[in-house]
N, C-alpha and C. Protein backbone atom coordinates (compact mmCIF):
# COMPACT_ATOMS: atom_id res chain seq x y z
N UNK A 1 59.47 99.43 152.95
CA UNK A 1 60.40 100.24 152.20
C UNK A 1 59.66 101.28 151.36
N UNK A 2 58.61 100.88 150.70
CA UNK A 2 57.84 101.78 149.87
C UNK A 2 57.20 102.88 150.70
N UNK A 3 56.68 102.48 151.87
CA UNK A 3 56.06 103.44 152.75
C UNK A 3 57.07 104.48 153.23
N UNK A 4 58.27 104.06 153.56
CA UNK A 4 59.33 104.97 154.02
C UNK A 4 59.74 105.89 152.87
N UNK A 5 59.91 105.35 151.69
CA UNK A 5 60.30 106.15 150.52
C UNK A 5 59.24 107.19 150.20
N UNK A 6 57.98 106.76 150.25
CA UNK A 6 56.88 107.67 149.99
C UNK A 6 56.83 108.77 151.05
N UNK A 7 57.02 108.39 152.28
CA UNK A 7 57.01 109.34 153.38
C UNK A 7 58.16 110.34 153.25
N UNK A 8 59.34 109.84 152.92
CA UNK A 8 60.49 110.74 152.73
C UNK A 8 60.27 111.68 151.55
N UNK A 9 59.71 111.16 150.47
CA UNK A 9 59.46 111.98 149.29
C UNK A 9 58.46 113.08 149.62
N UNK A 10 57.39 112.73 150.32
CA UNK A 10 56.40 113.74 150.70
C UNK A 10 56.98 114.78 151.65
N UNK A 11 57.82 114.33 152.55
CA UNK A 11 58.48 115.26 153.47
C UNK A 11 59.38 116.22 152.70
N UNK A 12 60.18 115.68 151.77
CA UNK A 12 61.06 116.52 150.97
C UNK A 12 60.27 117.52 150.11
N UNK A 13 59.17 117.07 149.54
CA UNK A 13 58.31 117.95 148.76
C UNK A 13 57.76 119.06 149.64
N UNK A 14 57.33 118.71 150.82
CA UNK A 14 56.80 119.71 151.76
C UNK A 14 57.85 120.73 152.14
N UNK A 15 59.07 120.27 152.39
CA UNK A 15 60.15 121.20 152.73
C UNK A 15 60.45 122.12 151.55
N UNK A 16 60.52 121.54 150.35
CA UNK A 16 60.79 122.33 149.16
C UNK A 16 59.71 123.39 148.94
N UNK A 17 58.45 123.01 149.04
CA UNK A 17 57.35 123.97 148.88
C UNK A 17 57.44 125.06 149.93
N UNK A 18 57.76 124.69 151.17
CA UNK A 18 57.89 125.68 152.24
C UNK A 18 59.01 126.66 151.97
N UNK A 19 60.15 126.16 151.50
CA UNK A 19 61.29 127.03 151.21
C UNK A 19 60.96 127.99 150.06
N UNK A 20 60.35 127.48 149.00
CA UNK A 20 59.98 128.32 147.86
C UNK A 20 58.96 129.37 148.29
N UNK A 21 57.97 128.97 149.05
CA UNK A 21 56.95 129.92 149.54
C UNK A 21 57.59 130.98 150.42
N UNK A 22 58.49 130.56 151.30
CA UNK A 22 59.16 131.51 152.19
C UNK A 22 59.98 132.49 151.37
N UNK A 23 60.73 132.01 150.37
CA UNK A 23 61.58 132.88 149.55
C UNK A 23 60.74 133.88 148.76
N UNK A 24 59.64 133.44 148.19
CA UNK A 24 58.78 134.34 147.43
C UNK A 24 58.03 135.28 148.36
N UNK A 25 57.63 134.79 149.50
CA UNK A 25 56.86 135.58 150.44
C UNK A 25 57.67 136.68 151.09
N UNK A 26 58.99 136.55 151.10
CA UNK A 26 59.85 137.55 151.70
C UNK A 26 59.55 138.94 151.15
N UNK A 27 59.55 139.09 149.84
CA UNK A 27 59.27 140.39 149.22
C UNK A 27 57.78 140.72 149.26
N UNK A 28 56.93 139.72 149.08
CA UNK A 28 55.49 139.96 149.05
C UNK A 28 54.97 140.46 150.40
N UNK A 29 55.66 140.13 151.48
CA UNK A 29 55.20 140.54 152.80
C UNK A 29 55.79 141.87 153.25
N UNK A 30 56.54 142.52 152.40
CA UNK A 30 57.09 143.83 152.74
C UNK A 30 55.96 144.84 152.91
N UNK A 31 56.19 145.89 153.71
CA UNK A 31 55.18 146.96 153.81
C UNK A 31 54.92 147.63 152.46
N UNK A 32 55.92 147.64 151.59
CA UNK A 32 55.78 148.17 150.22
C UNK A 32 56.03 147.01 149.25
N UNK A 33 55.00 146.21 149.00
CA UNK A 33 55.18 144.99 148.21
C UNK A 33 55.56 145.28 146.76
N UNK A 34 56.21 144.30 146.11
CA UNK A 34 56.56 144.48 144.70
C UNK A 34 55.31 144.52 143.83
N UNK A 35 55.41 145.32 142.76
CA UNK A 35 54.30 145.44 141.81
C UNK A 35 54.91 145.60 140.41
N UNK A 36 54.06 145.43 139.41
CA UNK A 36 54.52 145.54 138.04
C UNK A 36 53.41 146.11 137.18
N UNK A 37 53.78 146.96 136.24
CA UNK A 37 52.84 147.47 135.24
C UNK A 37 53.45 147.16 133.88
N UNK A 38 52.63 146.74 132.95
CA UNK A 38 53.16 146.45 131.62
C UNK A 38 52.10 146.76 130.57
N UNK A 39 52.57 146.98 129.37
CA UNK A 39 51.68 147.26 128.26
C UNK A 39 52.47 147.65 127.04
N UNK A 40 51.75 148.02 125.99
CA UNK A 40 52.39 148.40 124.74
C UNK A 40 52.13 149.88 124.47
N UNK A 41 53.17 150.53 123.96
CA UNK A 41 53.06 151.91 123.52
C UNK A 41 53.69 151.97 122.14
N UNK A 42 52.88 152.25 121.12
CA UNK A 42 53.36 152.31 119.73
C UNK A 42 54.21 151.11 119.35
N UNK A 43 53.79 149.92 119.73
CA UNK A 43 54.48 148.69 119.35
C UNK A 43 55.60 148.27 120.28
N UNK A 44 55.99 149.11 121.21
CA UNK A 44 57.05 148.76 122.17
C UNK A 44 56.42 148.17 123.42
N UNK A 45 56.98 147.08 123.89
CA UNK A 45 56.52 146.48 125.15
C UNK A 45 57.26 147.19 126.30
N UNK A 46 56.48 147.72 127.23
CA UNK A 46 57.03 148.45 128.38
C UNK A 46 56.70 147.66 129.64
N UNK A 47 57.70 147.49 130.52
CA UNK A 47 57.49 146.84 131.82
C UNK A 47 58.12 147.72 132.89
N UNK A 48 57.33 148.05 133.90
CA UNK A 48 57.81 148.82 135.04
C UNK A 48 57.67 147.94 136.28
N UNK A 49 58.78 147.73 136.98
CA UNK A 49 58.77 146.94 138.22
C UNK A 49 59.15 147.87 139.37
N UNK A 50 58.37 147.80 140.46
CA UNK A 50 58.56 148.78 141.53
C UNK A 50 58.05 148.24 142.86
N UNK A 51 58.50 148.84 143.94
CA UNK A 51 57.92 148.61 145.25
C UNK A 51 56.81 149.62 145.43
N UNK A 52 55.65 149.19 145.93
CA UNK A 52 54.47 150.05 146.01
C UNK A 52 54.20 150.51 147.45
N UNK A 53 54.75 151.68 147.82
CA UNK A 53 54.52 152.18 149.18
C UNK A 53 53.11 152.73 149.35
N UNK A 54 52.69 152.87 150.61
CA UNK A 54 51.42 153.49 150.95
C UNK A 54 51.65 154.85 151.57
N UNK A 55 50.66 155.72 151.46
CA UNK A 55 50.74 157.05 152.05
C UNK A 55 50.72 156.96 153.57
N UNK A 56 49.78 156.19 154.12
CA UNK A 56 49.64 156.00 155.57
C UNK A 56 49.58 157.31 156.34
N UNK A 57 48.91 158.33 155.76
CA UNK A 57 48.73 159.60 156.43
C UNK A 57 49.97 160.49 156.47
N UNK A 58 51.03 160.08 155.81
CA UNK A 58 52.28 160.84 155.84
C UNK A 58 52.33 161.87 154.72
N UNK A 59 53.09 162.96 154.92
CA UNK A 59 53.30 163.90 153.80
C UNK A 59 54.20 163.22 152.76
N UNK A 60 53.80 163.30 151.50
CA UNK A 60 54.54 162.60 150.45
C UNK A 60 55.45 163.55 149.69
N UNK A 61 54.93 164.68 149.23
CA UNK A 61 55.63 165.49 148.23
C UNK A 61 56.32 166.75 148.73
N UNK A 62 55.96 167.28 149.85
CA UNK A 62 56.54 168.58 150.20
C UNK A 62 58.01 168.49 150.55
N UNK A 63 58.64 169.64 150.72
CA UNK A 63 60.08 169.69 150.97
C UNK A 63 60.47 168.96 152.26
N UNK A 64 59.56 168.87 153.22
CA UNK A 64 59.86 168.21 154.48
C UNK A 64 59.57 166.71 154.48
N UNK A 65 59.10 166.18 153.37
CA UNK A 65 58.75 164.77 153.29
C UNK A 65 59.99 163.88 153.34
N UNK A 66 59.84 162.74 153.99
CA UNK A 66 60.92 161.75 153.96
C UNK A 66 60.64 160.71 152.88
N UNK A 67 59.47 160.78 152.24
CA UNK A 67 59.11 159.80 151.22
C UNK A 67 59.62 160.20 149.83
N UNK A 68 59.22 161.36 149.36
CA UNK A 68 59.61 161.83 148.03
C UNK A 68 59.72 163.36 148.06
N UNK A 69 60.71 163.89 148.74
CA UNK A 69 60.80 165.35 148.89
C UNK A 69 61.11 166.07 147.58
N UNK A 70 60.57 167.25 147.44
CA UNK A 70 60.85 168.08 146.28
C UNK A 70 62.36 168.33 146.17
N UNK A 71 62.84 168.30 144.93
CA UNK A 71 64.22 168.67 144.67
C UNK A 71 65.26 167.60 144.92
N UNK A 72 64.83 166.39 145.31
CA UNK A 72 65.79 165.31 145.58
C UNK A 72 65.49 164.09 144.71
N UNK A 73 66.55 163.39 144.30
CA UNK A 73 66.37 162.18 143.49
C UNK A 73 65.61 161.15 144.31
N UNK A 74 64.57 160.59 143.71
CA UNK A 74 63.71 159.59 144.36
C UNK A 74 63.69 158.34 143.50
N UNK A 75 63.71 157.19 144.12
CA UNK A 75 63.70 155.91 143.40
C UNK A 75 62.36 155.63 142.74
N UNK A 76 61.40 156.49 142.93
CA UNK A 76 60.08 156.39 142.30
C UNK A 76 59.36 155.11 142.66
N UNK A 77 59.51 154.72 143.91
CA UNK A 77 58.91 153.53 144.47
C UNK A 77 59.55 153.28 145.82
N UNK A 78 59.60 152.03 146.22
CA UNK A 78 60.20 151.67 147.50
C UNK A 78 61.17 150.51 147.29
N UNK A 79 62.04 150.33 148.27
CA UNK A 79 62.99 149.22 148.27
C UNK A 79 63.99 149.38 147.12
N UNK A 80 64.11 148.36 146.25
CA UNK A 80 65.01 148.47 145.11
C UNK A 80 64.55 149.62 144.22
N UNK A 81 65.49 150.13 143.42
CA UNK A 81 65.11 151.18 142.47
C UNK A 81 64.06 150.63 141.50
N UNK A 82 63.11 151.48 141.15
CA UNK A 82 62.13 151.12 140.13
C UNK A 82 62.86 150.88 138.82
N UNK A 83 62.43 149.86 138.08
CA UNK A 83 63.03 149.62 136.77
C UNK A 83 62.01 149.84 135.66
N UNK A 84 62.52 150.32 134.53
CA UNK A 84 61.74 150.58 133.33
C UNK A 84 62.42 149.83 132.20
N UNK A 85 61.65 148.99 131.50
CA UNK A 85 62.24 148.20 130.43
C UNK A 85 61.41 148.36 129.16
N UNK A 86 62.10 148.56 128.05
CA UNK A 86 61.46 148.64 126.74
C UNK A 86 62.20 147.73 125.77
N UNK A 87 61.44 147.02 124.94
CA UNK A 87 62.07 146.11 123.98
C UNK A 87 62.38 146.78 122.65
N UNK A 88 62.00 148.05 122.50
CA UNK A 88 62.28 148.80 121.27
C UNK A 88 62.74 150.21 121.62
N UNK A 89 63.45 150.84 120.71
CA UNK A 89 63.80 152.25 120.89
C UNK A 89 62.51 153.05 120.93
N UNK A 90 62.46 154.03 121.82
CA UNK A 90 61.26 154.85 121.97
C UNK A 90 61.66 156.32 122.08
N UNK A 91 60.66 157.18 121.99
CA UNK A 91 60.82 158.61 122.24
C UNK A 91 60.07 158.92 123.53
N UNK A 92 60.78 159.48 124.51
CA UNK A 92 60.18 159.85 125.79
C UNK A 92 60.17 161.37 125.88
N UNK A 93 58.98 161.94 125.95
CA UNK A 93 58.84 163.40 125.98
C UNK A 93 59.67 164.03 124.85
N UNK A 94 59.67 163.37 123.67
CA UNK A 94 60.34 163.90 122.50
C UNK A 94 61.82 163.59 122.38
N UNK A 95 62.39 162.84 123.33
CA UNK A 95 63.81 162.51 123.29
C UNK A 95 64.01 161.00 123.18
N UNK A 96 65.05 160.59 122.47
CA UNK A 96 65.29 159.17 122.17
C UNK A 96 65.82 158.40 123.38
N UNK A 97 65.24 157.21 123.60
CA UNK A 97 65.71 156.27 124.61
C UNK A 97 65.87 154.92 123.93
N UNK A 98 67.10 154.37 123.90
CA UNK A 98 67.30 153.07 123.26
C UNK A 98 66.61 151.94 124.04
N UNK A 99 66.30 150.86 123.35
CA UNK A 99 65.74 149.67 123.99
C UNK A 99 66.68 149.24 125.11
N UNK A 100 66.11 148.76 126.21
CA UNK A 100 66.93 148.29 127.32
C UNK A 100 66.20 148.37 128.64
N UNK A 101 66.93 148.06 129.70
CA UNK A 101 66.39 148.09 131.05
C UNK A 101 67.13 149.17 131.84
N UNK A 102 66.38 150.01 132.51
CA UNK A 102 66.92 151.18 133.20
C UNK A 102 66.36 151.27 134.62
N UNK A 103 67.15 151.89 135.50
CA UNK A 103 66.58 152.34 136.77
C UNK A 103 65.79 153.59 136.44
N UNK A 104 64.62 153.72 137.06
CA UNK A 104 63.72 154.84 136.79
C UNK A 104 63.67 155.71 138.04
N UNK A 105 64.23 156.91 137.94
CA UNK A 105 64.22 157.86 139.05
C UNK A 105 63.46 159.10 138.65
N UNK A 106 63.03 159.86 139.64
CA UNK A 106 62.44 161.17 139.38
C UNK A 106 62.98 162.15 140.41
N UNK A 107 62.88 163.40 140.05
CA UNK A 107 63.12 164.49 141.01
C UNK A 107 61.82 165.27 141.04
N UNK A 108 60.98 165.03 142.07
CA UNK A 108 59.70 165.72 142.15
C UNK A 108 59.87 167.23 142.36
N UNK A 109 58.94 167.97 141.81
CA UNK A 109 58.87 169.41 142.01
C UNK A 109 57.41 169.82 142.04
N UNK A 110 57.13 170.98 142.56
CA UNK A 110 55.74 171.42 142.65
C UNK A 110 55.07 171.51 141.29
N UNK A 111 55.77 172.08 140.30
CA UNK A 111 55.14 172.28 139.00
C UNK A 111 55.81 171.51 137.87
N UNK A 112 56.99 170.93 138.12
CA UNK A 112 57.68 170.16 137.09
C UNK A 112 58.56 169.11 137.75
N UNK A 113 58.63 167.93 137.12
CA UNK A 113 59.48 166.85 137.61
C UNK A 113 60.54 166.53 136.57
N UNK A 114 61.69 166.11 137.05
CA UNK A 114 62.71 165.55 136.18
C UNK A 114 62.53 164.03 136.21
N UNK A 115 62.47 163.43 135.04
CA UNK A 115 62.31 161.98 134.90
C UNK A 115 63.63 161.44 134.38
N UNK A 116 64.17 160.43 135.07
CA UNK A 116 65.52 159.95 134.79
C UNK A 116 65.51 158.46 134.46
N UNK A 117 66.19 158.11 133.38
CA UNK A 117 66.42 156.71 133.00
C UNK A 117 67.92 156.47 133.16
N UNK A 118 68.29 155.68 134.15
CA UNK A 118 69.69 155.46 134.51
C UNK A 118 70.14 154.08 134.04
N UNK A 119 71.36 153.99 133.52
CA UNK A 119 71.88 152.75 132.95
C UNK A 119 72.12 151.64 133.97
N UNK A 120 72.20 151.98 135.25
CA UNK A 120 72.43 150.97 136.29
C UNK A 120 71.05 150.53 136.81
N UNK A 121 70.49 149.52 136.16
CA UNK A 121 69.11 149.10 136.45
C UNK A 121 68.96 148.48 137.84
N UNK A 122 69.90 147.65 138.23
CA UNK A 122 69.76 146.93 139.50
C UNK A 122 70.55 147.62 140.60
N UNK A 123 69.83 148.39 141.41
CA UNK A 123 70.44 149.06 142.55
C UNK A 123 69.40 149.23 143.64
N UNK A 124 69.87 149.40 144.86
CA UNK A 124 68.96 149.56 145.99
C UNK A 124 68.65 151.04 146.15
N UNK A 125 67.37 151.37 146.02
CA UNK A 125 66.96 152.75 146.20
C UNK A 125 67.71 153.70 145.30
N UNK A 126 67.98 154.90 145.81
CA UNK A 126 68.75 155.90 145.07
C UNK A 126 70.04 156.23 145.81
N UNK A 127 70.43 155.36 146.72
CA UNK A 127 71.57 155.64 147.58
C UNK A 127 72.89 155.74 146.83
N UNK A 128 73.04 154.97 145.73
CA UNK A 128 74.27 155.02 144.95
C UNK A 128 74.00 155.57 143.55
N UNK A 129 72.92 156.35 143.44
CA UNK A 129 72.58 156.95 142.16
C UNK A 129 73.75 157.80 141.66
N UNK A 130 74.10 157.63 140.38
CA UNK A 130 75.20 158.34 139.77
C UNK A 130 74.69 159.01 138.50
N UNK A 131 74.60 160.33 138.52
CA UNK A 131 74.08 161.08 137.38
C UNK A 131 74.88 160.81 136.11
N UNK A 132 76.16 160.49 136.24
CA UNK A 132 77.00 160.20 135.05
C UNK A 132 76.50 158.96 134.30
N UNK A 133 75.69 158.12 134.96
CA UNK A 133 75.15 156.91 134.34
C UNK A 133 73.76 157.12 133.71
N UNK A 134 73.27 158.37 133.71
CA UNK A 134 71.95 158.63 133.12
C UNK A 134 71.98 158.41 131.61
N UNK A 135 71.02 157.66 131.11
CA UNK A 135 70.85 157.47 129.67
C UNK A 135 69.99 158.60 129.10
N UNK A 136 69.06 159.10 129.94
CA UNK A 136 68.14 160.14 129.48
C UNK A 136 67.54 160.86 130.67
N UNK A 137 67.36 162.17 130.52
CA UNK A 137 66.62 163.00 131.47
C UNK A 137 65.63 163.82 130.68
N UNK A 138 64.38 163.84 131.12
CA UNK A 138 63.34 164.67 130.51
C UNK A 138 62.55 165.32 131.64
N UNK A 139 61.68 166.25 131.28
CA UNK A 139 60.81 166.85 132.28
C UNK A 139 59.36 166.52 131.94
N UNK A 140 58.55 166.46 132.98
CA UNK A 140 57.11 166.20 132.83
C UNK A 140 56.38 167.03 133.88
N UNK A 141 55.13 167.32 133.60
CA UNK A 141 54.33 168.15 134.51
C UNK A 141 53.33 167.29 135.29
N UNK A 142 53.39 167.36 136.62
CA UNK A 142 52.41 166.62 137.43
C UNK A 142 51.05 167.30 137.37
N UNK A 143 50.01 166.51 137.57
CA UNK A 143 48.66 167.07 137.65
C UNK A 143 48.00 166.57 138.93
N UNK A 144 47.06 167.35 139.43
CA UNK A 144 46.29 166.96 140.61
C UNK A 144 45.33 165.86 140.20
N UNK A 145 45.31 164.78 140.96
CA UNK A 145 44.42 163.67 140.69
C UNK A 145 43.08 163.91 141.38
N UNK A 146 42.01 163.51 140.74
CA UNK A 146 40.68 163.64 141.33
C UNK A 146 40.49 162.65 142.47
N UNK A 147 41.21 161.54 142.41
CA UNK A 147 41.08 160.49 143.42
C UNK A 147 42.38 160.27 144.16
N UNK A 148 42.25 159.97 145.43
CA UNK A 148 43.40 159.64 146.27
C UNK A 148 43.88 158.24 145.92
N UNK A 149 45.19 158.09 145.69
CA UNK A 149 45.81 156.77 145.51
C UNK A 149 46.62 156.48 146.75
N UNK A 150 46.11 155.62 147.62
CA UNK A 150 46.84 155.28 148.85
C UNK A 150 48.16 154.60 148.53
N UNK A 151 48.15 153.70 147.55
CA UNK A 151 49.36 153.00 147.13
C UNK A 151 49.88 153.61 145.83
N UNK A 152 51.19 153.65 145.70
CA UNK A 152 51.81 154.07 144.46
C UNK A 152 51.48 153.04 143.38
N UNK A 153 51.04 153.51 142.22
CA UNK A 153 50.79 152.64 141.08
C UNK A 153 51.31 153.29 139.80
N UNK A 154 51.67 152.46 138.86
CA UNK A 154 52.04 152.90 137.52
C UNK A 154 51.04 152.30 136.56
N UNK A 155 50.71 153.04 135.52
CA UNK A 155 49.89 152.54 134.42
C UNK A 155 50.67 152.74 133.13
N UNK A 156 50.60 151.76 132.24
CA UNK A 156 51.14 151.90 130.90
C UNK A 156 49.93 152.09 130.01
N UNK A 157 49.85 153.25 129.36
CA UNK A 157 48.71 153.58 128.51
C UNK A 157 49.17 153.64 127.05
N UNK A 158 48.27 153.83 126.15
CA UNK A 158 48.63 153.96 124.74
C UNK A 158 49.47 155.20 124.45
N UNK A 159 49.48 156.16 125.39
CA UNK A 159 50.22 157.41 125.19
C UNK A 159 51.52 157.49 125.98
N UNK A 160 51.74 156.52 126.87
CA UNK A 160 52.96 156.55 127.69
C UNK A 160 52.73 155.86 129.02
N UNK A 161 53.32 156.43 130.06
CA UNK A 161 53.16 155.88 131.41
C UNK A 161 52.62 156.97 132.33
N UNK A 162 52.00 156.52 133.41
CA UNK A 162 51.49 157.46 134.42
C UNK A 162 51.84 156.91 135.79
N UNK A 163 52.52 157.73 136.59
CA UNK A 163 52.79 157.44 138.00
C UNK A 163 51.64 158.08 138.77
N UNK A 164 51.02 157.32 139.69
CA UNK A 164 49.91 157.84 140.50
C UNK A 164 50.19 157.53 141.96
N UNK A 165 50.16 158.59 142.77
CA UNK A 165 50.31 158.39 144.21
C UNK A 165 49.79 159.61 144.94
N UNK A 166 49.08 159.36 146.01
CA UNK A 166 48.46 160.40 146.81
C UNK A 166 47.51 161.16 145.89
N UNK A 167 47.63 162.46 145.78
CA UNK A 167 46.75 163.23 144.88
C UNK A 167 47.50 163.74 143.65
N UNK A 168 48.55 163.03 143.25
CA UNK A 168 49.37 163.44 142.11
C UNK A 168 49.38 162.35 141.04
N UNK A 169 49.34 162.79 139.80
CA UNK A 169 49.56 161.91 138.65
C UNK A 169 50.66 162.56 137.82
N UNK A 170 51.61 161.74 137.37
CA UNK A 170 52.67 162.23 136.52
C UNK A 170 52.62 161.47 135.20
N UNK A 171 52.00 162.07 134.18
CA UNK A 171 52.01 161.43 132.86
C UNK A 171 53.34 161.71 132.15
N UNK A 172 53.89 160.66 131.54
CA UNK A 172 55.14 160.78 130.78
C UNK A 172 54.83 160.25 129.37
N UNK A 173 54.93 161.15 128.38
CA UNK A 173 54.57 160.80 127.00
C UNK A 173 55.65 159.92 126.36
N UNK A 174 55.19 158.86 125.68
CA UNK A 174 56.09 157.96 124.96
C UNK A 174 55.53 157.73 123.56
N UNK A 175 56.43 157.76 122.58
CA UNK A 175 56.06 157.46 121.19
C UNK A 175 57.04 156.47 120.62
């Protein structure tokens, strides 16, 4: 009886571990795996959650790009919309953003980007993006990066956040 109970318990544990691993591995095995950047800016805790796509030799920014074309709302990552969360009210590029969790979108441009914090944090991509739900829109200037970033990454710095992908960096000032 003990041997059977032990065997059944070990089998159940194995099944449970397999199911949990499979469920977690589902997103981790995506071509654009989930990633997170976090840090503090002027006492506010910032967390950015995003899918991290790769360039894979494709055009990223030009008007003909299918990844992040100029002039179109982009989820600023892959899969689900990128989310931006702050535990305190902050100033983004000089404009007020209340504490909360937001979908983070951008509209890339050659010399200027629109950065969008949307009140509907949990959404897939930008397919149902609704400008009426924007909490804040600001502009930021992209710069040419000295190094190629094959994967999209975000950094939270003491001065704000930086989106880095391909040969572009987009610093967004936060106070």
